[in-house]
Amino acid sequence: MGLSKHSCDVWQCGGSVEVLPCARIAHIERAHKPYTEDLTSHVRRNALRVAEVWMDEFKSHVYMAWNVPIEVSCGSYRL
């Protein structure tokens, strides 16, 4: 799931995200990561929070992507 805050901001403001094959994007990683190697639970929790706050009627798509029942709210969702 490639959901990020910036893509949601763009979408909410009526913009679009384009895929350009000639684009170059870089990411500089830390030499030492102070967090756990398995970020799946954190990413899922954040994706569900973003869905609840910003996605309105489309939030069900995020819940389906993470295989989480829609009745579970992210506020009470515990991993």
N, C-alpha and C. Protein backbone atom coordinates (compact mmCIF):
# COMPACT_ATOMS: atom_id res chain seq x y z
N MET A 1 0.85 -1.17 0.00
CA MET A 1 0.00 0.00 0.00
C MET A 1 0.89 1.22 0.00
N GLY A 2 0.81 2.03 -1.04
CA GLY A 2 1.66 3.19 -1.16
C GLY A 2 1.00 4.47 -0.71
N LEU A 3 0.30 4.41 0.37
CA LEU A 3 -0.43 5.58 0.86
C LEU A 3 0.51 6.45 1.67
N SER A 4 0.62 7.72 1.31
CA SER A 4 1.44 8.63 2.09
C SER A 4 0.66 9.90 2.37
N LYS A 5 1.10 10.63 3.36
CA LYS A 5 0.42 11.86 3.72
C LYS A 5 0.42 12.86 2.57
N HIS A 6 1.52 12.97 1.88
CA HIS A 6 1.60 13.95 0.79
C HIS A 6 0.66 13.60 -0.35
N SER A 7 0.55 12.32 -0.69
CA SER A 7 -0.36 11.95 -1.77
C SER A 7 -1.81 12.20 -1.36
N CYS A 8 -2.13 12.00 -0.08
CA CYS A 8 -3.49 12.30 0.41
C CYS A 8 -3.76 13.80 0.37
N ASP A 9 -2.77 14.60 0.76
CA ASP A 9 -2.94 16.06 0.71
C ASP A 9 -3.21 16.52 -0.72
N VAL A 10 -2.45 16.01 -1.65
CA VAL A 10 -2.63 16.38 -3.06
C VAL A 10 -4.02 15.97 -3.53
N TRP A 11 -4.43 14.75 -3.20
CA TRP A 11 -5.73 14.24 -3.62
C TRP A 11 -6.86 15.06 -3.01
N GLN A 12 -6.76 15.39 -1.71
CA GLN A 12 -7.80 16.16 -1.04
C GLN A 12 -7.94 17.57 -1.61
N CYS A 13 -6.87 18.10 -2.16
CA CYS A 13 -6.89 19.45 -2.72
C CYS A 13 -7.20 19.45 -4.21
N GLY A 14 -7.58 18.30 -4.76
CA GLY A 14 -7.97 18.23 -6.16
C GLY A 14 -6.81 18.02 -7.12
N GLY A 15 -5.64 17.74 -6.61
CA GLY A 15 -4.48 17.53 -7.47
C GLY A 15 -4.36 16.10 -7.93
N SER A 16 -3.26 15.79 -8.56
CA SER A 16 -3.01 14.43 -9.02
C SER A 16 -1.54 14.08 -8.83
N VAL A 17 -1.27 12.80 -8.74
CA VAL A 17 0.09 12.30 -8.64
C VAL A 17 0.38 11.58 -9.95
N GLU A 18 1.45 11.97 -10.60
CA GLU A 18 1.78 11.39 -11.90
C GLU A 18 3.03 10.53 -11.80
N VAL A 19 3.04 9.46 -12.57
CA VAL A 19 4.20 8.59 -12.65
C VAL A 19 4.95 8.95 -13.92
N LEU A 20 6.17 9.40 -13.76
CA LEU A 20 6.99 9.79 -14.90
C LEU A 20 8.22 8.89 -14.96
N PRO A 21 8.37 8.13 -16.02
CA PRO A 21 9.49 7.19 -16.10
C PRO A 21 10.86 7.87 -16.08
N CYS A 22 10.92 9.13 -16.47
CA CYS A 22 12.21 9.82 -16.51
C CYS A 22 12.54 10.50 -15.18
N ALA A 23 11.63 10.46 -14.21
CA ALA A 23 11.85 11.13 -12.93
C ALA A 23 12.89 10.38 -12.10
N ARG A 24 13.68 11.12 -11.37
CA ARG A 24 14.69 10.54 -10.48
C ARG A 24 14.37 10.97 -9.05
N ILE A 25 14.22 10.00 -8.18
CA ILE A 25 13.90 10.28 -6.78
C ILE A 25 14.94 9.57 -5.92
N ALA A 26 15.46 10.28 -4.94
CA ALA A 26 16.48 9.69 -4.08
C ALA A 26 16.01 9.73 -2.63
N HIS A 27 16.48 8.78 -1.87
CA HIS A 27 16.19 8.74 -0.44
C HIS A 27 17.49 8.39 0.27
N ILE A 28 17.88 9.23 1.20
CA ILE A 28 19.10 8.98 1.97
C ILE A 28 18.70 8.31 3.27
N GLU A 29 19.23 7.13 3.50
CA GLU A 29 18.91 6.39 4.71
C GLU A 29 19.97 6.62 5.78
N ARG A 30 19.55 6.47 7.01
CA ARG A 30 20.48 6.58 8.13
C ARG A 30 21.41 5.38 8.16
N ALA A 31 22.60 5.58 8.67
CA ALA A 31 23.53 4.46 8.83
C ALA A 31 23.02 3.51 9.92
N HIS A 32 22.45 4.08 10.97
CA HIS A 32 21.88 3.28 12.05
C HIS A 32 20.41 3.66 12.22
N LYS A 33 19.53 2.68 12.16
CA LYS A 33 18.10 2.95 12.31
C LYS A 33 17.69 2.69 13.76
N PRO A 34 17.16 3.70 14.44
CA PRO A 34 16.82 3.55 15.86
C PRO A 34 15.47 2.88 16.10
N TYR A 35 14.90 2.27 15.09
CA TYR A 35 13.60 1.64 15.24
C TYR A 35 13.67 0.20 14.76
N THR A 36 12.60 -0.51 14.99
CA THR A 36 12.55 -1.93 14.66
C THR A 36 12.63 -2.15 13.15
N GLU A 37 13.12 -3.30 12.76
CA GLU A 37 13.22 -3.64 11.34
C GLU A 37 11.85 -3.89 10.72
N ASP A 38 10.93 -4.47 11.49
CA ASP A 38 9.60 -4.79 10.97
C ASP A 38 8.65 -3.64 11.27
N LEU A 39 8.39 -2.81 10.28
CA LEU A 39 7.53 -1.65 10.46
C LEU A 39 6.09 -1.91 10.04
N THR A 40 5.76 -3.14 9.69
CA THR A 40 4.43 -3.46 9.17
C THR A 40 3.31 -2.99 10.09
N SER A 41 3.40 -3.28 11.37
CA SER A 41 2.32 -2.91 12.28
C SER A 41 2.18 -1.40 12.40
N HIS A 42 3.30 -0.69 12.39
CA HIS A 42 3.25 0.77 12.48
C HIS A 42 2.67 1.39 11.21
N VAL A 43 3.08 0.86 10.07
CA VAL A 43 2.58 1.37 8.79
C VAL A 43 1.08 1.11 8.68
N ARG A 44 0.63 -0.08 9.08
CA ARG A 44 -0.80 -0.40 9.03
C ARG A 44 -1.59 0.55 9.93
N ARG A 45 -1.12 0.75 11.13
CA ARG A 45 -1.81 1.64 12.07
C ARG A 45 -1.92 3.06 11.50
N ASN A 46 -0.83 3.57 10.94
CA ASN A 46 -0.85 4.91 10.36
C ASN A 46 -1.75 4.99 9.13
N ALA A 47 -1.74 3.95 8.30
CA ALA A 47 -2.61 3.93 7.11
C ALA A 47 -4.08 3.97 7.52
N LEU A 48 -4.43 3.24 8.57
CA LEU A 48 -5.82 3.24 9.03
C LEU A 48 -6.20 4.59 9.63
N ARG A 49 -5.28 5.22 10.31
CA ARG A 49 -5.55 6.57 10.84
C ARG A 49 -5.77 7.57 9.71
N VAL A 50 -4.93 7.52 8.70
CA VAL A 50 -5.08 8.41 7.54
C VAL A 50 -6.43 8.17 6.88
N ALA A 51 -6.79 6.90 6.73
CA ALA A 51 -8.08 6.56 6.10
C ALA A 51 -9.24 7.13 6.90
N GLU A 52 -9.20 7.00 8.21
CA GLU A 52 -10.29 7.49 9.06
C GLU A 52 -10.42 9.01 8.98
N VAL A 53 -9.32 9.71 8.91
CA VAL A 53 -9.35 11.17 8.95
C VAL A 53 -9.64 11.78 7.57
N TRP A 54 -9.05 11.22 6.51
CA TRP A 54 -9.07 11.89 5.22
C TRP A 54 -9.86 11.21 4.11
N MET A 55 -10.07 9.91 4.19
CA MET A 55 -10.55 9.19 3.02
C MET A 55 -12.07 9.13 2.85
N ASP A 56 -12.83 9.54 3.86
CA ASP A 56 -14.29 9.57 3.79
C ASP A 56 -14.86 8.25 3.27
N GLU A 57 -15.61 8.31 2.18
CA GLU A 57 -16.26 7.09 1.67
C GLU A 57 -15.28 6.12 1.02
N PHE A 58 -14.02 6.51 0.85
CA PHE A 58 -13.02 5.64 0.24
C PHE A 58 -12.19 4.87 1.27
N LYS A 59 -12.45 5.10 2.56
CA LYS A 59 -11.65 4.44 3.59
C LYS A 59 -11.79 2.92 3.56
N SER A 60 -12.90 2.43 3.05
CA SER A 60 -13.08 0.97 2.99
C SER A 60 -12.02 0.31 2.12
N HIS A 61 -11.50 1.04 1.13
CA HIS A 61 -10.45 0.49 0.28
C HIS A 61 -9.17 0.24 1.08
N VAL A 62 -8.86 1.14 1.99
CA VAL A 62 -7.66 0.98 2.82
C VAL A 62 -7.85 -0.20 3.77
N TYR A 63 -9.03 -0.29 4.36
CA TYR A 63 -9.31 -1.41 5.26
C TYR A 63 -9.21 -2.75 4.52
N MET A 64 -9.74 -2.79 3.29
CA MET A 64 -9.64 -4.03 2.50
C MET A 64 -8.20 -4.35 2.16
N ALA A 65 -7.41 -3.34 1.82
CA ALA A 65 -6.01 -3.55 1.46
C ALA A 65 -5.22 -4.14 2.62
N TRP A 66 -5.56 -3.74 3.85
CA TRP A 66 -4.86 -4.24 5.03
C TRP A 66 -5.58 -5.43 5.66
N ASN A 67 -6.67 -5.89 5.04
CA ASN A 67 -7.42 -7.04 5.53
C ASN A 67 -7.91 -6.83 6.96
N VAL A 68 -8.48 -5.64 7.21
CA VAL A 68 -9.01 -5.29 8.52
C VAL A 68 -10.52 -5.08 8.37
N PRO A 69 -11.33 -5.68 9.22
CA PRO A 69 -12.78 -5.46 9.14
C PRO A 69 -13.11 -3.98 9.31
N ILE A 70 -14.03 -3.47 8.53
CA ILE A 70 -14.37 -2.04 8.54
C ILE A 70 -14.99 -1.62 9.87
N GLU A 71 -15.56 -2.54 10.64
CA GLU A 71 -16.18 -2.18 11.91
C GLU A 71 -15.16 -1.74 12.95
N VAL A 72 -13.91 -2.12 12.77
CA VAL A 72 -12.86 -1.77 13.73
C VAL A 72 -12.41 -0.35 13.45
N SER A 73 -12.51 0.52 14.45
CA SER A 73 -12.03 1.88 14.25
C SER A 73 -10.55 1.94 14.60
N CYS A 74 -9.82 2.82 13.96
CA CYS A 74 -8.38 2.87 14.20
C CYS A 74 -8.06 3.40 15.59
N GLY A 75 -9.00 4.11 16.23
CA GLY A 75 -8.75 4.60 17.57
C GLY A 75 -8.67 3.48 18.59
N SER A 76 -9.45 2.41 18.38
CA SER A 76 -9.42 1.30 19.31
C SER A 76 -8.64 0.11 18.76
N TYR A 77 -8.07 0.27 17.59
CA TYR A 77 -7.34 -0.81 16.93
C TYR A 77 -6.01 -1.03 17.63
N ARG A 78 -5.79 -2.21 18.11
CA ARG A 78 -4.54 -2.54 18.79
C ARG A 78 -3.85 -3.66 18.05
N LEU A 79 -2.55 -3.55 17.93
CA LEU A 79 -1.77 -4.57 17.22
C LEU A 79 -1.13 -5.51 18.21
